[in-house]
């Protein structure tokens, strides 16, 4: 398993600078990189201690800081942490902290407690052990804190992305072995050739992992849109800027979010 994690670290490091440049331009032009769904579901976070797991190069972390949260970002990739700190400085955020760590090892490395554990948009598929992740989340949460997740819906993850909106299963829903890919990037950088590994989870496995770690699901929402553009020719933007396949609007789930608290 460690070799998979190391390969992912190297792969993401290759596109860190590209992500930094892309997100710097967005943050200098706009107040936030967060979607309206995220902002609404989080509510008022001013003054809250928030830890952002798998923060990439820190764009969303900075957006959360702009909402008044006291933020700490965590990422596996040293290049991501380097550029996250640089991006925070570029945006005049001088009190954001960034920690280089595998989020599955926070339970051994970091013992502060947070009002909010935040992790969104393309995160769960990079975790080889969902229950261990949930235990780390539980470890980081203050007794009255909550976890916020927004990510691709597991049902969306089964489809051949190159054929959508035609529905062709490419990734079996119950697959348990790591899926190997030879390309990384594409949503905020040019794709680059680099071996990386991801994992498939069912919705039941996500909810069960959190429950077994001692968390209670306050709510789980499902949406008919993606938070990124997969096909310029086949998707349209909805009124909130999310990406929709018109053929599947109000018909199929593409994204989910959840809030979990300590029992």
C-alpha atoms as a PDB file:
ATOM      1  CA  UNK A   1       0.000   0.000   0.000  1.00  0.00           C
ATOM      2  CA  UNK A   2       2.838   2.384   0.805  1.00  0.00           C
ATOM      3  CA  UNK A   3       4.095   2.203  -2.771  1.00  0.00           C
ATOM      4  CA  UNK A   4       0.680   3.351  -4.001  1.00  0.00           C
ATOM      5  CA  UNK A   5       0.728   6.323  -1.639  1.00  0.00           C
ATOM      6  CA  UNK A   6       4.271   7.218  -2.689  1.00  0.00           C
ATOM      7  CA  UNK A   7       3.303   7.050  -6.373  1.00  0.00           C
ATOM      8  CA  UNK A   8       0.360   9.363  -5.719  1.00  0.00           C
ATOM      9  CA  UNK A   9       2.594  11.786  -3.827  1.00  0.00           C
ATOM     10  CA  UNK A  10       4.999  11.952  -6.745  1.00  0.00           C
ATOM     11  CA  UNK A  11       2.197  12.319  -9.293  1.00  0.00           C
ATOM     12  CA  UNK A  12       0.456  15.171  -7.497  1.00  0.00           C
ATOM     13  CA  UNK A  13       3.766  16.899  -6.972  1.00  0.00           C
ATOM     14  CA  UNK A  14       4.192  17.125 -10.739  1.00  0.00           C
ATOM     15  CA  UNK A  15       1.137  19.359 -11.116  1.00  0.00           C
ATOM     16  CA  UNK A  16       1.420  21.423  -7.911  1.00  0.00           C
ATOM     17  CA  UNK A  17       2.913  24.475  -9.606  1.00  0.00           C
ATOM     18  CA  UNK A  18       0.221  24.409 -12.300  1.00  0.00           C
ATOM     19  CA  UNK A  19      -2.484  24.241  -9.630  1.00  0.00           C
ATOM     20  CA  UNK A  20      -0.913  27.115  -7.737  1.00  0.00           C
ATOM     21  CA  UNK A  21      -0.906  29.325 -10.829  1.00  0.00           C
ATOM     22  CA  UNK A  22      -4.480  28.397 -11.796  1.00  0.00           C
ATOM     23  CA  UNK A  23      -5.903  28.987  -8.336  1.00  0.00           C
ATOM     24  CA  UNK A  24      -3.895  32.148  -7.739  1.00  0.00           C
ATOM     25  CA  UNK A  25      -5.551  33.686 -10.798  1.00  0.00           C
ATOM     26  CA  UNK A  26      -8.991  32.608  -9.548  1.00  0.00           C
ATOM     27  CA  UNK A  27      -8.465  33.924  -6.031  1.00  0.00           C
ATOM     28  CA  UNK A  28      -7.134  37.253  -7.225  1.00  0.00           C
ATOM     29  CA  UNK A  29     -10.189  37.626  -9.473  1.00  0.00           C
ATOM     30  CA  UNK A  30     -12.819  36.220  -7.098  1.00  0.00           C
ATOM     31  CA  UNK A  31     -13.392  36.128  -3.353  1.00  0.00           C
ATOM     32  CA  UNK A  32     -13.835  32.373  -3.161  1.00  0.00           C
ATOM     33  CA  UNK A  33     -13.213  29.079  -4.940  1.00  0.00           C
ATOM     34  CA  UNK A  34     -16.029  27.460  -2.949  1.00  0.00           C
ATOM     35  CA  UNK A  35     -19.385  26.695  -4.528  1.00  0.00           C
ATOM     36  CA  UNK A  36     -22.608  28.231  -3.269  1.00  0.00           C
ATOM     37  CA  UNK A  37     -23.622  24.780  -2.052  1.00  0.00           C
ATOM     38  CA  UNK A  38     -20.537  24.549   0.144  1.00  0.00           C
ATOM     39  CA  UNK A  39     -20.982  28.067   1.503  1.00  0.00           C
ATOM     40  CA  UNK A  40     -24.660  27.511   2.302  1.00  0.00           C
ATOM     41  CA  UNK A  41     -24.189  24.104   3.871  1.00  0.00           C
ATOM     42  CA  UNK A  42     -21.253  25.210   6.031  1.00  0.00           C
ATOM     43  CA  UNK A  43     -23.135  28.180   7.434  1.00  0.00           C
ATOM     44  CA  UNK A  44     -21.415  30.842   9.538  1.00  0.00           C
ATOM     45  CA  UNK A  45     -17.855  29.682  10.198  1.00  0.00           C
ATOM     46  CA  UNK A  46     -16.396  32.974  11.434  1.00  0.00           C
ATOM     47  CA  UNK A  47     -14.068  32.361  14.350  1.00  0.00           C
ATOM     48  CA  UNK A  48     -14.274  28.569  13.997  1.00  0.00           C
ATOM     49  CA  UNK A  49     -11.145  26.414  14.155  1.00  0.00           C
ATOM     50  CA  UNK A  50     -11.199  24.501  10.865  1.00  0.00           C
ATOM     51  CA  UNK A  51      -8.859  21.848   9.494  1.00  0.00           C
ATOM     52  CA  UNK A  52      -8.936  21.208   5.748  1.00  0.00           C
ATOM     53  CA  UNK A  53      -7.846  17.668   4.882  1.00  0.00           C
ATOM     54  CA  UNK A  54      -6.295  17.000   1.455  1.00  0.00           C
ATOM     55  CA  UNK A  55      -6.079  20.729   0.854  1.00  0.00           C
ATOM     56  CA  UNK A  56      -4.056  20.534  -2.398  1.00  0.00           C
ATOM     57  CA  UNK A  57      -2.402  23.938  -2.961  1.00  0.00           C
ATOM     58  CA  UNK A  58      -4.686  25.667  -0.493  1.00  0.00           C
ATOM     59  CA  UNK A  59      -7.174  27.587  -2.623  1.00  0.00           C
ATOM     60  CA  UNK A  60     -10.255  26.408  -0.732  1.00  0.00           C
ATOM     61  CA  UNK A  61      -8.369  26.772   2.559  1.00  0.00           C
ATOM     62  CA  UNK A  62      -7.795  30.432   1.751  1.00  0.00           C
ATOM     63  CA  UNK A  63     -11.440  30.830   0.721  1.00  0.00           C
ATOM     64  CA  UNK A  64     -12.455  29.425   4.124  1.00  0.00           C
ATOM     65  CA  UNK A  65     -10.080  31.870   5.826  1.00  0.00           C
ATOM     66  CA  UNK A  66     -11.775  34.689   3.931  1.00  0.00           C
ATOM     67  CA  UNK A  67     -15.044  33.522   5.523  1.00  0.00           C
ATOM     68  CA  UNK A  68     -13.474  34.141   8.926  1.00  0.00           C
ATOM     69  CA  UNK A  69     -12.361  30.631   9.900  1.00  0.00           C
ATOM     70  CA  UNK A  70      -9.034  29.977  11.629  1.00  0.00           C
ATOM     71  CA  UNK A  71      -7.671  27.517   9.112  1.00  0.00           C
ATOM     72  CA  UNK A  72      -5.144  24.692   9.006  1.00  0.00           C
ATOM     73  CA  UNK A  73      -4.559  22.858   5.729  1.00  0.00           C
ATOM     74  CA  UNK A  74      -3.151  19.329   5.478  1.00  0.00           C
ATOM     75  CA  UNK A  75      -1.779  17.584   2.418  1.00  0.00           C
ATOM     76  CA  UNK A  76       0.418  14.589   1.641  1.00  0.00           C
ATOM     77  CA  UNK A  77       2.402  16.330  -1.090  1.00  0.00           C
ATOM     78  CA  UNK A  78       5.317  18.588  -0.065  1.00  0.00           C
ATOM     79  CA  UNK A  79       5.006  20.643  -3.256  1.00  0.00           C
ATOM     80  CA  UNK A  80       1.333  21.281  -2.475  1.00  0.00           C
ATOM     81  CA  UNK A  81       2.210  22.564   0.994  1.00  0.00           C
ATOM     82  CA  UNK A  82       4.960  24.785  -0.421  1.00  0.00           C
ATOM     83  CA  UNK A  83       2.584  26.375  -2.917  1.00  0.00           C
ATOM     84  CA  UNK A  84      -0.266  26.597  -0.395  1.00  0.00           C
ATOM     85  CA  UNK A  85       1.917  28.737   1.848  1.00  0.00           C
ATOM     86  CA  UNK A  86       2.953  30.829  -1.139  1.00  0.00           C
ATOM     87  CA  UNK A  87      -0.658  31.224  -2.251  1.00  0.00           C
ATOM     88  CA  UNK A  88      -1.724  32.332   1.225  1.00  0.00           C
ATOM     89  CA  UNK A  89       1.028  34.964   1.213  1.00  0.00           C
ATOM     90  CA  UNK A  90      -0.024  36.127  -2.261  1.00  0.00           C
ATOM     91  CA  UNK A  91      -3.577  36.593  -0.979  1.00  0.00           C
ATOM     92  CA  UNK A  92      -2.576  38.383   2.212  1.00  0.00           C
ATOM     93  CA  UNK A  93      -3.616  35.544   4.516  1.00  0.00           C
ATOM     94  CA  UNK A  94      -0.942  35.538   7.198  1.00  0.00           C
ATOM     95  CA  UNK A  95      -2.505  33.286   9.844  1.00  0.00           C
ATOM     96  CA  UNK A  96      -3.216  30.131   7.775  1.00  0.00           C
ATOM     97  CA  UNK A  97      -1.213  27.047   8.765  1.00  0.00           C
ATOM     98  CA  UNK A  98      -0.270  24.212   6.425  1.00  0.00           C
ATOM     99  CA  UNK A  99       0.919  20.773   7.530  1.00  0.00           C
ATOM    100  CA  UNK A 100       2.586  18.163   5.317  1.00  0.00           C
ATOM    101  CA  UNK A 101       1.111  14.805   6.314  1.00  0.00           C
ATOM    102  CA  UNK A 102      -0.785  11.775   5.114  1.00  0.00           C
ATOM    103  CA  UNK A 103      -4.276  12.412   6.503  1.00  0.00           C
ATOM    104  CA  UNK A 104      -4.400   8.752   7.565  1.00  0.00           C
ATOM    105  CA  UNK A 105      -1.541   9.462  10.009  1.00  0.00           C
ATOM    106  CA  UNK A 106      -2.883  12.578  11.724  1.00  0.00           C
ATOM    107  CA  UNK A 107      -4.000  10.532  14.702  1.00  0.00           C
ATOM    108  CA  UNK A 108      -0.320   9.918  15.515  1.00  0.00           C
ATOM    109  CA  UNK A 109       1.066  13.320  14.516  1.00  0.00           C
ATOM    110  CA  UNK A 110      -1.418  16.053  15.417  1.00  0.00           C
ATOM    111  CA  UNK A 111      -3.438  16.375  18.604  1.00  0.00           C
ATOM    112  CA  UNK A 112      -5.259  19.682  18.304  1.00  0.00           C
ATOM    113  CA  UNK A 113      -9.064  19.686  18.148  1.00  0.00           C
ATOM    114  CA  UNK A 114     -11.196  21.522  15.603  1.00  0.00           C
ATOM    115  CA  UNK A 115     -14.733  22.824  15.320  1.00  0.00           C
ATOM    116  CA  UNK A 116     -14.866  21.742  11.668  1.00  0.00           C
ATOM    117  CA  UNK A 117     -13.101  19.053   9.677  1.00  0.00           C
ATOM    118  CA  UNK A 118     -13.529  19.999   6.013  1.00  0.00           C
ATOM    119  CA  UNK A 119     -12.703  17.841   2.982  1.00  0.00           C
ATOM    120  CA  UNK A 120     -14.183  18.230  -0.492  1.00  0.00           C
ATOM    121  CA  UNK A 121     -14.005  17.652  -4.231  1.00  0.00           C
ATOM    122  CA  UNK A 122     -12.035  14.627  -5.320  1.00  0.00           C
ATOM    123  CA  UNK A 123     -10.726  13.418  -1.971  1.00  0.00           C
ATOM    124  CA  UNK A 124     -12.137  10.070  -0.860  1.00  0.00           C
ATOM    125  CA  UNK A 125     -10.984   8.136  -3.932  1.00  0.00           C
ATOM    126  CA  UNK A 126      -7.332   8.703  -2.933  1.00  0.00           C
ATOM    127  CA  UNK A 127      -7.739   6.977   0.442  1.00  0.00           C
ATOM    128  CA  UNK A 128      -6.865   3.262   0.676  1.00  0.00           C
ATOM    129  CA  UNK A 129      -8.552   2.834   4.076  1.00  0.00           C
ATOM    130  CA  UNK A 130     -11.834   4.636   4.632  1.00  0.00           C
ATOM    131  CA  UNK A 131     -12.305   3.436   8.222  1.00  0.00           C
ATOM    132  CA  UNK A 132      -8.832   4.679   9.196  1.00  0.00           C
ATOM    133  CA  UNK A 133      -9.702   8.025   7.592  1.00  0.00           C
ATOM    134  CA  UNK A 134     -12.903   8.203   9.648  1.00  0.00           C
ATOM    135  CA  UNK A 135     -10.945   7.442  12.837  1.00  0.00           C
ATOM    136  CA  UNK A 136      -8.549  10.291  12.030  1.00  0.00           C
ATOM    137  CA  UNK A 137     -11.504  12.627  11.472  1.00  0.00           C
ATOM    138  CA  UNK A 138     -12.953  11.604  14.839  1.00  0.00           C
ATOM    139  CA  UNK A 139      -9.571  12.231  16.482  1.00  0.00           C
ATOM    140  CA  UNK A 140      -9.417  15.783  15.099  1.00  0.00           C
ATOM    141  CA  UNK A 141     -12.965  16.831  16.015  1.00  0.00           C
ATOM    142  CA  UNK A 142     -13.849  18.758  19.140  1.00  0.00           C
ATOM    143  CA  UNK A 143     -16.758  17.222  21.024  1.00  0.00           C
ATOM    144  CA  UNK A 144     -19.199  19.752  19.570  1.00  0.00           C
ATOM    145  CA  UNK A 145     -17.564  19.922  16.138  1.00  0.00           C
ATOM    146  CA  UNK A 146     -18.650  18.548  12.775  1.00  0.00           C
ATOM    147  CA  UNK A 147     -17.268  16.954   9.633  1.00  0.00           C
ATOM    148  CA  UNK A 148     -18.231  18.396   6.244  1.00  0.00           C
ATOM    149  CA  UNK A 149     -17.680  16.352   3.078  1.00  0.00           C
ATOM    150  CA  UNK A 150     -18.613  17.139  -0.522  1.00  0.00           C
ATOM    151  CA  UNK A 151     -17.386  14.747  -3.188  1.00  0.00           C
ATOM    152  CA  UNK A 152     -18.243  12.795  -6.306  1.00  0.00           C
ATOM    153  CA  UNK A 153     -21.165  10.439  -5.742  1.00  0.00           C
ATOM    154  CA  UNK A 154     -20.060   6.783  -5.754  1.00  0.00           C
ATOM    155  CA  UNK A 155     -22.782   6.012  -8.302  1.00  0.00           C
ATOM    156  CA  UNK A 156     -21.240   8.545 -10.699  1.00  0.00           C
ATOM    157  CA  UNK A 157     -17.840   6.959 -10.203  1.00  0.00           C
ATOM    158  CA  UNK A 158     -18.862   3.736 -11.979  1.00  0.00           C
ATOM    159  CA  UNK A 159     -19.374   5.306 -15.423  1.00  0.00           C
ATOM    160  CA  UNK A 160     -16.899   5.553 -18.288  1.00  0.00           C
ATOM    161  CA  UNK A 161     -16.189   9.285 -18.092  1.00  0.00           C
ATOM    162  CA  UNK A 162     -15.256   9.523 -21.766  1.00  0.00           C
ATOM    163  CA  UNK A 163     -18.687   8.222 -22.865  1.00  0.00           C
ATOM    164  CA  UNK A 164     -21.010  10.200 -20.616  1.00  0.00           C
ATOM    165  CA  UNK A 165     -23.891  10.992 -20.916  1.00  0.00           C
ATOM    166  CA  UNK A 166     -24.053   7.489 -22.409  1.00  0.00           C
ATOM    167  CA  UNK A 167     -24.063   5.159 -19.416  1.00  0.00           C
ATOM    168  CA  UNK A 168     -21.365   2.506 -19.727  1.00  0.00           C
ATOM    169  CA  UNK A 169     -19.967   0.902 -16.572  1.00  0.00           C
ATOM    170  CA  UNK A 170     -16.165   1.102 -16.501  1.00  0.00           C
ATOM    171  CA  UNK A 171     -15.418   0.950 -12.766  1.00  0.00           C
ATOM    172  CA  UNK A 172     -17.419  -1.751 -10.901  1.00  0.00           C
ATOM    173  CA  UNK A 173     -19.288  -0.320  -7.927  1.00  0.00           C
ATOM    174  CA  UNK A 174     -18.083  -3.088  -5.608  1.00  0.00           C
ATOM    175  CA  UNK A 175     -14.466  -3.118  -6.842  1.00  0.00           C
ATOM    176  CA  UNK A 176     -11.972  -3.418  -3.990  1.00  0.00           C
ATOM    177  CA  UNK A 177      -8.563  -3.431  -5.683  1.00  0.00           C
ATOM    178  CA  UNK A 178      -6.726  -0.191  -6.438  1.00  0.00           C
ATOM    179  CA  UNK A 179      -7.385   1.272  -9.886  1.00  0.00           C
ATOM    180  CA  UNK A 180      -4.200   2.266 -11.726  1.00  0.00           C
ATOM    181  CA  UNK A 181      -4.099   5.296 -14.020  1.00  0.00           C
ATOM    182  CA  UNK A 182      -1.206   6.651 -16.053  1.00  0.00           C
ATOM    183  CA  UNK A 183      -2.308  10.307 -16.159  1.00  0.00           C
ATOM    184  CA  UNK A 184      -2.773  12.962 -13.480  1.00  0.00           C
ATOM    185  CA  UNK A 185      -4.410  16.394 -13.628  1.00  0.00           C
ATOM    186  CA  UNK A 186      -6.817  17.854 -16.134  1.00  0.00           C
ATOM    187  CA  UNK A 187      -9.168  20.039 -14.085  1.00  0.00           C
ATOM    188  CA  UNK A 188      -6.724  22.793 -13.094  1.00  0.00           C
ATOM    189  CA  UNK A 189      -3.670  21.836 -15.120  1.00  0.00           C
ATOM    190  CA  UNK A 190      -2.697  20.009 -18.273  1.00  0.00           C
ATOM    191  CA  UNK A 191      -2.768  16.245 -17.806  1.00  0.00           C
ATOM    192  CA  UNK A 192       0.673  14.753 -17.263  1.00  0.00           C
ATOM    193  CA  UNK A 193       1.840  11.174 -17.564  1.00  0.00           C
ATOM    194  CA  UNK A 194       2.334   9.744 -14.082  1.00  0.00           C
ATOM    195  CA  UNK A 195       1.243   6.468 -12.520  1.00  0.00           C
ATOM    196  CA  UNK A 196      -1.288   6.923  -9.730  1.00  0.00           C
ATOM    197  CA  UNK A 197      -3.799   4.817  -7.805  1.00  0.00           C
ATOM    198  CA  UNK A 198      -7.334   5.375  -6.574  1.00  0.00           C
ATOM    199  CA  UNK A 199      -9.981   3.368  -4.741  1.00  0.00           C
ATOM    200  CA  UNK A 200     -13.719   2.818  -5.188  1.00  0.00           C
ATOM    201  CA  UNK A 201     -16.195   3.144  -2.317  1.00  0.00           C
ATOM    202  CA  UNK A 202     -19.912   2.568  -2.078  1.00  0.00           C
ATOM    203  CA  UNK A 203     -22.144   5.076  -0.340  1.00  0.00           C
ATOM    204  CA  UNK A 204     -22.833   2.442   2.287  1.00  0.00           C
ATOM    205  CA  UNK A 205     -19.119   2.071   3.012  1.00  0.00           C
ATOM    206  CA  UNK A 206     -18.704   5.820   3.496  1.00  0.00           C
ATOM    207  CA  UNK A 207     -21.597   6.067   5.947  1.00  0.00           C
ATOM    208  CA  UNK A 208     -20.611   2.863   7.756  1.00  0.00           C
ATOM    209  CA  UNK A 209     -16.974   3.930   8.193  1.00  0.00           C
ATOM    210  CA  UNK A 210     -18.050   7.190   9.822  1.00  0.00           C
ATOM    211  CA  UNK A 211     -20.611   5.423  12.010  1.00  0.00           C
ATOM    212  CA  UNK A 212     -18.103   2.803  13.178  1.00  0.00           C
ATOM    213  CA  UNK A 213     -15.653   5.583  14.070  1.00  0.00           C
ATOM    214  CA  UNK A 214     -18.261   7.086  16.413  1.00  0.00           C
ATOM    215  CA  UNK A 215     -19.796   9.754  14.180  1.00  0.00           C
ATOM    216  CA  UNK A 216     -23.478  10.450  13.559  1.00  0.00           C
ATOM    217  CA  UNK A 217     -24.690  11.469  10.088  1.00  0.00           C
ATOM    218  CA  UNK A 218     -26.747  14.642  10.542  1.00  0.00           C
ATOM    219  CA  UNK A 219     -27.700  14.736   6.866  1.00  0.00           C
ATOM    220  CA  UNK A 220     -26.656  13.420   3.462  1.00  0.00           C
ATOM    221  CA  UNK A 221     -27.540  15.394   0.316  1.00  0.00           C
ATOM    222  CA  UNK A 222     -27.359  14.205  -3.289  1.00  0.00           C
ATOM    223  CA  UNK A 223     -27.093  16.381  -6.397  1.00  0.00           C
ATOM    224  CA  UNK A 224     -27.516  15.974 -10.152  1.00  0.00           C
ATOM    225  CA  UNK A 225     -24.413  18.066 -11.002  1.00  0.00           C
ATOM    226  CA  UNK A 226     -20.637  17.787 -11.014  1.00  0.00           C
ATOM    227  CA  UNK A 227     -18.347  20.341  -9.377  1.00  0.00           C
ATOM    228  CA  UNK A 228     -16.015  20.284 -12.392  1.00  0.00           C
ATOM    229  CA  UNK A 229     -16.321  20.368 -16.165  1.00  0.00           C
ATOM    230  CA  UNK A 230     -15.893  16.929 -17.691  1.00  0.00           C
ATOM    231  CA  UNK A 231     -16.957  17.770 -21.245  1.00  0.00           C
ATOM    232  CA  UNK A 232     -17.229  21.240 -22.772  1.00  0.00           C
ATOM    233  CA  UNK A 233     -19.481  19.881 -25.501  1.00  0.00           C
ATOM    234  CA  UNK A 234     -21.869  17.828 -23.369  1.00  0.00           C
ATOM    235  CA  UNK A 235     -22.310  19.747 -20.103  1.00  0.00           C
ATOM    236  CA  UNK A 236     -23.981  23.047 -19.290  1.00  0.00           C
ATOM    237  CA  UNK A 237     -23.741  25.256 -16.212  1.00  0.00           C
ATOM    238  CA  UNK A 238     -26.692  25.574 -13.870  1.00  0.00           C
ATOM    239  CA  UNK A 239     -27.603  28.864 -12.195  1.00  0.00           C
ATOM    240  CA  UNK A 240     -25.091  28.261  -9.399  1.00  0.00           C
ATOM    241  CA  UNK A 241     -22.232  27.440 -11.753  1.00  0.00           C
ATOM    242  CA  UNK A 242     -22.284  23.651 -11.363  1.00  0.00           C
ATOM    243  CA  UNK A 243     -21.837  21.358 -14.364  1.00  0.00           C
ATOM    244  CA  UNK A 244     -24.859  19.363 -15.536  1.00  0.00           C
ATOM    245  CA  UNK A 245     -25.508  16.789 -18.228  1.00  0.00           C
ATOM    246  CA  UNK A 246     -28.941  17.988 -19.473  1.00  0.00           C
ATOM    247  CA  UNK A 247     -30.030  14.414 -20.226  1.00  0.00           C
ATOM    248  CA  UNK A 248     -29.521  13.455 -16.583  1.00  0.00           C
ATOM    249  CA  UNK A 249     -30.797  16.561 -14.799  1.00  0.00           C
ATOM    250  CA  UNK A 250     -33.005  15.504 -11.881  1.00  0.00           C
ATOM    251  CA  UNK A 251     -32.447  11.880 -12.921  1.00  0.00           C
ATOM    252  CA  UNK A 252     -29.009  10.698 -11.742  1.00  0.00           C
ATOM    253  CA  UNK A 253     -26.725  11.574  -8.791  1.00  0.00           C
ATOM    254  CA  UNK A 254     -23.292  13.014  -9.519  1.00  0.00           C
ATOM    255  CA  UNK A 255     -22.259  14.657  -6.248  1.00  0.00           C
ATOM    256  CA  UNK A 256     -23.064  14.177  -2.554  1.00  0.00           C
ATOM    257  CA  UNK A 257     -22.425  16.096   0.639  1.00  0.00           C
ATOM    258  CA  UNK A 258     -22.788  15.141   4.278  1.00  0.00           C
ATOM    259  CA  UNK A 259     -22.472  16.546   7.762  1.00  0.00           C
ATOM    260  CA  UNK A 260     -21.431  14.286  10.634  1.00  0.00           C
ATOM    261  CA  UNK A 261     -21.087  15.000  14.349  1.00  0.00           C
ATOM    262  CA  UNK A 262     -19.856  13.088  17.387  1.00  0.00           C
ATOM    263  CA  UNK A 263     -22.568  10.952  18.907  1.00  0.00           C
END
